[in-house]
Amino acid sequence: YPDQILSRADVVVASVHSGFKQEREKITGRIMAAIENPHVDIIGHLTGRLIGHRSGYDVDVEKVIKKAAENNTALEINSSPDRLDLDEFNARLAAEYGVMLAINTDAHDLRRMDEIIYGIAVSRRAWLGADNILNTKELPELLSYLR
């Protein structure tokens, strides 16, 4: 979407939804460009994996995490049992770089909202605390982060 639309959104989550088989540098570059966009708040399902259906795309996760830290862009822990992306290892790495994580259900309807427990489990396996998780913040702190 153009910046004029993104600038009016309360929260912008950017995710790869096509071109999964691109070379490592190309797909990593696409994600890095999203991180550098001042209107993007969160990068969703960073590796793009679908458990049992599709391996993640060939992204340089550590390079993306470093860029997210530099730009104060959060990364998603996707709670869908089909994704669980970031996994606990990459979530821990992100936290070590000081990147905030947002636990999201990826629910497209209300029936899947209770899947948040799986994302919480990933964060616990990564030894994350409330200080690492964006959606545990009180409203003033959350709004400050999003600005």
N, C-alpha and C. Protein backbone atom coordinates (compact mmCIF):
# COMPACT_ATOMS: atom_id res chain seq x y z
N TYR A 1 0.83 -1.19 0.00
CA TYR A 1 0.00 0.00 0.00
C TYR A 1 0.87 1.24 0.00
N PRO A 2 0.36 2.32 -0.56
CA PRO A 2 1.14 3.57 -0.55
C PRO A 2 1.23 4.14 0.87
N ASP A 3 2.27 4.93 1.10
CA ASP A 3 2.49 5.53 2.41
C ASP A 3 1.31 6.37 2.87
N GLN A 4 0.59 7.00 1.96
CA GLN A 4 -0.55 7.84 2.37
C GLN A 4 -1.65 7.01 3.03
N ILE A 5 -1.76 5.75 2.69
CA ILE A 5 -2.71 4.86 3.35
C ILE A 5 -2.10 4.32 4.64
N LEU A 6 -0.86 3.85 4.57
CA LEU A 6 -0.21 3.29 5.75
C LEU A 6 -0.12 4.31 6.88
N SER A 7 0.10 5.56 6.55
CA SER A 7 0.26 6.60 7.57
C SER A 7 -1.02 6.83 8.36
N ARG A 8 -2.16 6.41 7.84
CA ARG A 8 -3.44 6.61 8.53
C ARG A 8 -3.86 5.40 9.36
N ALA A 9 -3.13 4.31 9.25
CA ALA A 9 -3.48 3.09 10.00
C ALA A 9 -2.98 3.18 11.44
N ASP A 10 -3.73 2.58 12.35
CA ASP A 10 -3.31 2.55 13.76
C ASP A 10 -2.10 1.67 13.95
N VAL A 11 -2.09 0.51 13.31
CA VAL A 11 -0.99 -0.45 13.39
C VAL A 11 -0.82 -1.06 12.01
N VAL A 12 0.43 -1.14 11.56
CA VAL A 12 0.72 -1.75 10.26
C VAL A 12 1.59 -2.98 10.49
N VAL A 13 1.06 -4.13 10.05
CA VAL A 13 1.79 -5.39 10.08
C VAL A 13 2.12 -5.74 8.63
N ALA A 14 3.39 -5.88 8.32
CA ALA A 14 3.83 -6.22 6.97
C ALA A 14 4.31 -7.66 6.95
N SER A 15 3.87 -8.41 5.95
CA SER A 15 4.24 -9.82 5.84
C SER A 15 4.41 -10.19 4.37
N VAL A 16 5.28 -11.14 4.13
CA VAL A 16 5.45 -11.68 2.78
C VAL A 16 4.28 -12.62 2.50
N HIS A 17 3.63 -12.41 1.37
CA HIS A 17 2.51 -13.27 0.97
C HIS A 17 2.66 -13.80 -0.45
N SER A 18 3.80 -13.54 -1.08
CA SER A 18 4.05 -14.04 -2.44
C SER A 18 5.56 -14.08 -2.68
N GLY A 19 5.96 -14.77 -3.73
CA GLY A 19 7.38 -14.83 -4.08
C GLY A 19 8.20 -15.61 -3.08
N PHE A 20 7.62 -16.67 -2.51
CA PHE A 20 8.27 -17.43 -1.45
C PHE A 20 9.58 -18.10 -1.89
N LYS A 21 9.74 -18.35 -3.15
CA LYS A 21 10.92 -19.10 -3.62
C LYS A 21 12.03 -18.18 -4.13
N GLN A 22 11.93 -16.89 -3.84
CA GLN A 22 12.97 -15.97 -4.26
C GLN A 22 14.27 -16.29 -3.52
N GLU A 23 15.37 -15.87 -4.14
CA GLU A 23 16.68 -16.08 -3.53
C GLU A 23 16.77 -15.34 -2.20
N ARG A 24 17.65 -15.85 -1.36
CA ARG A 24 17.84 -15.34 0.00
C ARG A 24 17.99 -13.82 0.04
N GLU A 25 18.87 -13.27 -0.76
CA GLU A 25 19.11 -11.82 -0.73
C GLU A 25 17.88 -11.04 -1.15
N LYS A 26 17.14 -11.54 -2.12
CA LYS A 26 15.95 -10.84 -2.62
C LYS A 26 14.85 -10.81 -1.55
N ILE A 27 14.55 -11.96 -0.98
CA ILE A 27 13.45 -12.00 0.00
C ILE A 27 13.85 -11.28 1.29
N THR A 28 15.11 -11.40 1.67
CA THR A 28 15.61 -10.67 2.84
C THR A 28 15.51 -9.17 2.58
N GLY A 29 15.88 -8.75 1.39
CA GLY A 29 15.79 -7.33 1.01
C GLY A 29 14.38 -6.79 1.06
N ARG A 30 13.43 -7.60 0.64
CA ARG A 30 12.02 -7.18 0.68
C ARG A 30 11.58 -6.92 2.13
N ILE A 31 11.97 -7.81 3.02
CA ILE A 31 11.58 -7.66 4.42
C ILE A 31 12.31 -6.47 5.05
N MET A 32 13.58 -6.30 4.69
CA MET A 32 14.35 -5.16 5.22
C MET A 32 13.72 -3.84 4.75
N ALA A 33 13.26 -3.79 3.51
CA ALA A 33 12.61 -2.58 3.01
C ALA A 33 11.35 -2.28 3.80
N ALA A 34 10.60 -3.30 4.15
CA ALA A 34 9.39 -3.10 4.96
C ALA A 34 9.77 -2.56 6.34
N ILE A 35 10.82 -3.10 6.92
CA ILE A 35 11.28 -2.64 8.24
C ILE A 35 11.69 -1.17 8.18
N GLU A 36 12.30 -0.76 7.10
CA GLU A 36 12.77 0.62 6.96
C GLU A 36 11.64 1.60 6.69
N ASN A 37 10.45 1.10 6.33
CA ASN A 37 9.31 1.99 6.12
C ASN A 37 8.85 2.50 7.48
N PRO A 38 8.82 3.82 7.68
CA PRO A 38 8.47 4.36 8.99
C PRO A 38 7.03 4.06 9.42
N HIS A 39 6.19 3.61 8.51
CA HIS A 39 4.80 3.31 8.84
C HIS A 39 4.58 1.87 9.27
N VAL A 40 5.59 1.01 9.08
CA VAL A 40 5.45 -0.40 9.45
C VAL A 40 5.85 -0.57 10.91
N ASP A 41 4.94 -1.18 11.67
CA ASP A 41 5.15 -1.38 13.10
C ASP A 41 5.63 -2.78 13.44
N ILE A 42 5.13 -3.77 12.70
CA ILE A 42 5.38 -5.18 13.02
C ILE A 42 5.61 -5.95 11.72
N ILE A 43 6.56 -6.88 11.76
CA ILE A 43 6.74 -7.81 10.65
C ILE A 43 6.09 -9.13 11.06
N GLY A 44 5.16 -9.58 10.24
CA GLY A 44 4.42 -10.81 10.54
C GLY A 44 5.09 -12.04 9.97
N HIS A 45 4.82 -13.15 10.60
CA HIS A 45 5.32 -14.50 10.25
C HIS A 45 6.58 -14.45 9.39
N LEU A 46 7.68 -14.11 10.06
CA LEU A 46 8.96 -13.78 9.42
C LEU A 46 9.49 -14.84 8.47
N THR A 47 9.37 -16.10 8.80
CA THR A 47 9.95 -17.12 7.92
C THR A 47 8.95 -17.68 6.92
N GLY A 48 7.66 -17.43 7.14
CA GLY A 48 6.64 -17.88 6.19
C GLY A 48 6.33 -19.36 6.22
N ARG A 49 6.81 -20.06 7.22
CA ARG A 49 6.58 -21.51 7.21
C ARG A 49 5.12 -21.84 7.50
N LEU A 50 4.68 -22.94 6.93
CA LEU A 50 3.39 -23.55 7.25
C LEU A 50 3.71 -24.99 7.64
N ILE A 51 3.63 -25.27 8.90
CA ILE A 51 4.04 -26.57 9.43
C ILE A 51 3.30 -27.70 8.72
N GLY A 52 4.08 -28.64 8.20
CA GLY A 52 3.51 -29.78 7.50
C GLY A 52 3.14 -29.51 6.06
N HIS A 53 3.27 -28.25 5.62
CA HIS A 53 2.88 -27.90 4.25
C HIS A 53 3.98 -27.20 3.45
N ARG A 54 4.71 -26.30 4.14
CA ARG A 54 5.71 -25.50 3.42
C ARG A 54 6.80 -25.09 4.39
N SER A 55 8.04 -25.32 3.98
CA SER A 55 9.17 -24.82 4.76
C SER A 55 9.17 -23.30 4.65
N GLY A 56 9.84 -22.67 5.57
CA GLY A 56 9.96 -21.23 5.48
C GLY A 56 10.79 -20.82 4.28
N TYR A 57 10.62 -19.57 3.85
CA TYR A 57 11.45 -19.10 2.75
C TYR A 57 12.86 -18.84 3.25
N ASP A 58 13.77 -18.71 2.32
CA ASP A 58 15.19 -18.59 2.63
C ASP A 58 15.52 -17.15 2.99
N VAL A 59 15.22 -16.79 4.23
CA VAL A 59 15.45 -15.42 4.71
C VAL A 59 16.61 -15.44 5.70
N ASP A 60 17.42 -14.40 5.67
CA ASP A 60 18.50 -14.24 6.63
C ASP A 60 17.90 -13.66 7.91
N VAL A 61 17.48 -14.53 8.80
CA VAL A 61 16.73 -14.13 9.99
C VAL A 61 17.55 -13.19 10.87
N GLU A 62 18.82 -13.50 11.11
CA GLU A 62 19.61 -12.65 11.99
C GLU A 62 19.79 -11.25 11.40
N LYS A 63 19.99 -11.16 10.11
CA LYS A 63 20.12 -9.85 9.45
C LYS A 63 18.83 -9.04 9.61
N VAL A 64 17.70 -9.70 9.45
CA VAL A 64 16.40 -9.03 9.62
C VAL A 64 16.21 -8.60 11.07
N ILE A 65 16.57 -9.44 12.00
CA ILE A 65 16.43 -9.10 13.42
C ILE A 65 17.28 -7.88 13.75
N LYS A 66 18.50 -7.84 13.26
CA LYS A 66 19.36 -6.67 13.49
C LYS A 66 18.73 -5.40 12.94
N LYS A 67 18.17 -5.49 11.73
CA LYS A 67 17.52 -4.33 11.10
C LYS A 67 16.28 -3.92 11.90
N ALA A 68 15.53 -4.89 12.40
CA ALA A 68 14.35 -4.58 13.22
C ALA A 68 14.77 -3.84 14.49
N ALA A 69 15.88 -4.26 15.10
CA ALA A 69 16.39 -3.58 16.29
C ALA A 69 16.77 -2.14 15.98
N GLU A 70 17.42 -1.92 14.85
CA GLU A 70 17.84 -0.57 14.45
C GLU A 70 16.65 0.35 14.19
N ASN A 71 15.55 -0.21 13.73
CA ASN A 71 14.39 0.59 13.33
C ASN A 71 13.23 0.53 14.30
N ASN A 72 13.44 -0.13 15.44
CA ASN A 72 12.38 -0.24 16.45
C ASN A 72 11.10 -0.84 15.85
N THR A 73 11.27 -1.87 15.05
CA THR A 73 10.16 -2.59 14.45
C THR A 73 9.99 -3.91 15.18
N ALA A 74 8.78 -4.20 15.58
CA ALA A 74 8.50 -5.44 16.31
C ALA A 74 8.41 -6.61 15.33
N LEU A 75 8.62 -7.81 15.85
CA LEU A 75 8.43 -9.03 15.07
C LEU A 75 7.30 -9.83 15.71
N GLU A 76 6.55 -10.50 14.88
CA GLU A 76 5.41 -11.28 15.35
C GLU A 76 5.80 -12.69 15.75
N ILE A 77 5.20 -13.15 16.84
CA ILE A 77 5.13 -14.57 17.12
C ILE A 77 3.72 -14.96 16.72
N ASN A 78 3.62 -15.68 15.62
CA ASN A 78 2.32 -16.06 15.08
C ASN A 78 1.84 -17.32 15.80
N SER A 79 0.71 -17.21 16.47
CA SER A 79 0.19 -18.28 17.33
C SER A 79 -0.51 -19.41 16.59
N SER A 80 -0.77 -19.23 15.32
CA SER A 80 -1.47 -20.28 14.59
C SER A 80 -0.69 -21.58 14.69
N PRO A 81 -1.35 -22.69 15.05
CA PRO A 81 -0.64 -23.97 15.11
C PRO A 81 -0.10 -24.39 13.75
N ASP A 82 -0.57 -23.74 12.69
CA ASP A 82 -0.06 -23.99 11.35
C ASP A 82 1.26 -23.26 11.09
N ARG A 83 1.58 -22.28 11.92
CA ARG A 83 2.77 -21.45 11.69
C ARG A 83 3.77 -21.49 12.84
N LEU A 84 3.35 -21.06 14.03
CA LEU A 84 4.27 -20.91 15.17
C LEU A 84 5.58 -20.28 14.70
N ASP A 85 5.44 -19.13 14.11
CA ASP A 85 6.52 -18.43 13.42
C ASP A 85 6.52 -16.98 13.91
N LEU A 86 7.47 -16.62 14.63
CA LEU A 86 8.80 -17.09 14.93
C LEU A 86 8.74 -18.32 15.83
N ASP A 87 9.76 -19.16 15.69
CA ASP A 87 9.91 -20.25 16.66
C ASP A 87 10.62 -19.71 17.89
N GLU A 88 10.75 -20.53 18.91
CA GLU A 88 11.34 -20.07 20.17
C GLU A 88 12.80 -19.65 20.03
N PHE A 89 13.53 -20.25 19.11
CA PHE A 89 14.95 -19.91 18.94
C PHE A 89 15.11 -18.52 18.34
N ASN A 90 14.33 -18.23 17.29
CA ASN A 90 14.41 -16.91 16.67
C ASN A 90 13.77 -15.84 17.55
N ALA A 91 12.75 -16.20 18.31
CA ALA A 91 12.15 -15.24 19.24
C ALA A 91 13.16 -14.86 20.32
N ARG A 92 13.91 -15.83 20.82
CA ARG A 92 14.94 -15.57 21.82
C ARG A 92 16.03 -14.67 21.24
N LEU A 93 16.46 -14.97 20.01
CA LEU A 93 17.47 -14.16 19.35
C LEU A 93 16.99 -12.72 19.19
N ALA A 94 15.74 -12.56 18.78
CA ALA A 94 15.19 -11.21 18.63
C ALA A 94 15.22 -10.46 19.96
N ALA A 95 14.83 -11.13 21.02
CA ALA A 95 14.84 -10.49 22.34
C ALA A 95 16.26 -10.10 22.76
N GLU A 96 17.22 -10.95 22.42
CA GLU A 96 18.62 -10.65 22.76
C GLU A 96 19.11 -9.40 22.04
N TYR A 97 18.57 -9.12 20.87
CA TYR A 97 18.91 -7.90 20.13
C TYR A 97 18.06 -6.70 20.57
N GLY A 98 17.13 -6.94 21.49
CA GLY A 98 16.29 -5.85 21.98
C GLY A 98 15.05 -5.59 21.14
N VAL A 99 14.69 -6.52 20.29
CA VAL A 99 13.52 -6.37 19.44
C VAL A 99 12.27 -6.74 20.23
N MET A 100 11.25 -5.91 20.13
CA MET A 100 9.96 -6.24 20.75
C MET A 100 9.27 -7.30 19.90
N LEU A 101 8.50 -8.15 20.58
CA LEU A 101 7.74 -9.19 19.90
C LEU A 101 6.26 -8.97 20.18
N ALA A 102 5.43 -9.26 19.20
CA ALA A 102 3.98 -9.15 19.34
C ALA A 102 3.39 -10.54 19.11
N ILE A 103 2.64 -11.01 20.08
CA ILE A 103 2.00 -12.31 19.93
C ILE A 103 0.65 -12.10 19.26
N ASN A 104 0.44 -12.79 18.15
CA ASN A 104 -0.74 -12.59 17.32
C ASN A 104 -1.36 -13.94 16.99
N THR A 105 -2.67 -13.99 16.92
CA THR A 105 -3.34 -15.26 16.62
C THR A 105 -3.36 -15.58 15.13
N ASP A 106 -3.23 -14.60 14.26
CA ASP A 106 -3.41 -14.78 12.82
C ASP A 106 -4.84 -15.25 12.50
N ALA A 107 -5.75 -15.04 13.46
CA ALA A 107 -7.14 -15.47 13.28
C ALA A 107 -7.82 -14.62 12.21
N HIS A 108 -8.50 -15.29 11.31
CA HIS A 108 -9.28 -14.61 10.30
C HIS A 108 -10.76 -14.65 10.66
N ASP A 109 -11.06 -15.23 11.81
CA ASP A 109 -12.42 -15.24 12.35
C ASP A 109 -12.31 -15.49 13.86
N LEU A 110 -13.42 -15.31 14.57
CA LEU A 110 -13.40 -15.40 16.03
C LEU A 110 -13.11 -16.81 16.55
N ARG A 111 -13.39 -17.83 15.76
CA ARG A 111 -13.20 -19.20 16.23
C ARG A 111 -11.75 -19.53 16.54
N ARG A 112 -10.80 -18.78 15.99
CA ARG A 112 -9.39 -19.11 16.18
C ARG A 112 -8.68 -18.18 17.18
N MET A 113 -9.43 -17.29 17.81
CA MET A 113 -8.82 -16.35 18.75
C MET A 113 -8.18 -17.05 19.94
N ASP A 114 -8.72 -18.20 20.34
CA ASP A 114 -8.17 -18.89 21.50
C ASP A 114 -6.81 -19.53 21.22
N GLU A 115 -6.35 -19.47 19.98
CA GLU A 115 -5.04 -20.02 19.64
C GLU A 115 -3.89 -19.17 20.17
N ILE A 116 -4.20 -18.05 20.79
CA ILE A 116 -3.16 -17.20 21.37
C ILE A 116 -2.29 -17.98 22.35
N ILE A 117 -2.85 -19.02 22.97
CA ILE A 117 -2.09 -19.80 23.95
C ILE A 117 -0.85 -20.44 23.33
N TYR A 118 -0.91 -20.74 22.04
CA TYR A 118 0.25 -21.36 21.38
C TYR A 118 1.38 -20.35 21.20
N GLY A 119 1.04 -19.12 20.91
CA GLY A 119 2.07 -18.07 20.82
C GLY A 119 2.66 -17.76 22.18
N ILE A 120 1.83 -17.77 23.20
CA ILE A 120 2.32 -17.57 24.56
C ILE A 120 3.29 -18.69 24.92
N ALA A 121 2.96 -19.92 24.51
CA ALA A 121 3.85 -21.06 24.79
C ALA A 121 5.20 -20.88 24.09
N VAL A 122 5.19 -20.36 22.86
CA VAL A 122 6.45 -20.10 22.15
C VAL A 122 7.26 -19.07 22.95
N SER A 123 6.60 -18.01 23.40
CA SER A 123 7.33 -16.97 24.15
C SER A 123 7.90 -17.53 25.45
N ARG A 124 7.19 -18.43 26.08
CA ARG A 124 7.70 -19.04 27.32
C ARG A 124 8.89 -19.94 27.04
N ARG A 125 8.83 -20.71 25.95
CA ARG A 125 9.97 -21.56 25.58
C ARG A 125 11.20 -20.72 25.24
N ALA A 126 10.95 -19.49 24.78
CA ALA A 126 12.04 -18.56 24.46
C ALA A 126 12.51 -17.78 25.69
N TRP A 127 11.92 -18.05 26.84
CA TRP A 127 12.25 -17.37 28.09
C TRP A 127 12.00 -15.86 28.00
N LEU A 128 10.91 -15.48 27.34
CA LEU A 128 10.56 -14.08 27.23
C LEU A 128 9.65 -13.69 28.38
N GLY A 129 9.73 -12.44 28.77
CA GLY A 129 8.84 -11.90 29.80
C GLY A 129 7.97 -10.81 29.22
N ALA A 130 7.11 -10.28 30.04
CA ALA A 130 6.20 -9.23 29.59
C ALA A 130 6.96 -8.02 29.01
N ASP A 131 8.17 -7.78 29.49
CA ASP A 131 8.94 -6.65 28.98
C ASP A 131 9.37 -6.85 27.52
N ASN A 132 9.33 -8.09 27.02
CA ASN A 132 9.69 -8.38 25.63
C ASN A 132 8.49 -8.37 24.69
N ILE A 133 7.27 -8.36 25.24
CA ILE A 133 6.06 -8.57 24.45
C ILE A 133 5.27 -7.28 24.32
N LEU A 134 5.13 -6.80 23.10
CA LEU A 134 4.48 -5.53 22.82
C LEU A 134 3.03 -5.50 23.32
N ASN A 135 2.30 -6.57 23.10
CA ASN A 135 0.89 -6.53 23.48
C ASN A 135 0.63 -6.89 24.94
N THR A 136 1.64 -6.72 25.79
CA THR A 136 1.43 -6.76 27.24
C THR A 136 1.54 -5.35 27.82
N LYS A 137 1.85 -4.38 26.98
CA LYS A 137 2.10 -3.02 27.46
C LYS A 137 0.80 -2.32 27.83
N GLU A 138 0.89 -1.44 28.81
CA GLU A 138 -0.23 -0.55 29.13
C GLU A 138 -0.42 0.39 27.95
N LEU A 139 -1.62 0.89 27.78
CA LEU A 139 -1.94 1.70 26.60
C LEU A 139 -0.99 2.87 26.36
N PRO A 140 -0.62 3.66 27.37
CA PRO A 140 0.30 4.77 27.07
C PRO A 140 1.65 4.30 26.50
N GLU A 141 2.19 3.21 27.06
CA GLU A 141 3.46 2.69 26.57
C GLU A 141 3.31 2.10 25.16
N LEU A 142 2.20 1.43 24.92
CA LEU A 142 1.93 0.87 23.59
C LEU A 142 1.83 1.99 22.56
N LEU A 143 1.06 3.02 22.88
CA LEU A 143 0.90 4.14 21.94
C LEU A 143 2.23 4.85 21.69
N SER A 144 3.03 4.98 22.74
CA SER A 144 4.34 5.60 22.58
C SER A 144 5.21 4.78 21.62
N TYR A 145 5.18 3.47 21.78
CA TYR A 145 5.95 2.59 20.90
C TYR A 145 5.48 2.73 19.45
N LEU A 146 4.18 2.74 19.25
CA LEU A 146 3.62 2.80 17.90
C LEU A 146 3.87 4.14 17.23
N ARG A 147 4.10 5.20 18.00
CA ARG A 147 4.39 6.50 17.42
C ARG A 147 5.81 6.53 16.93
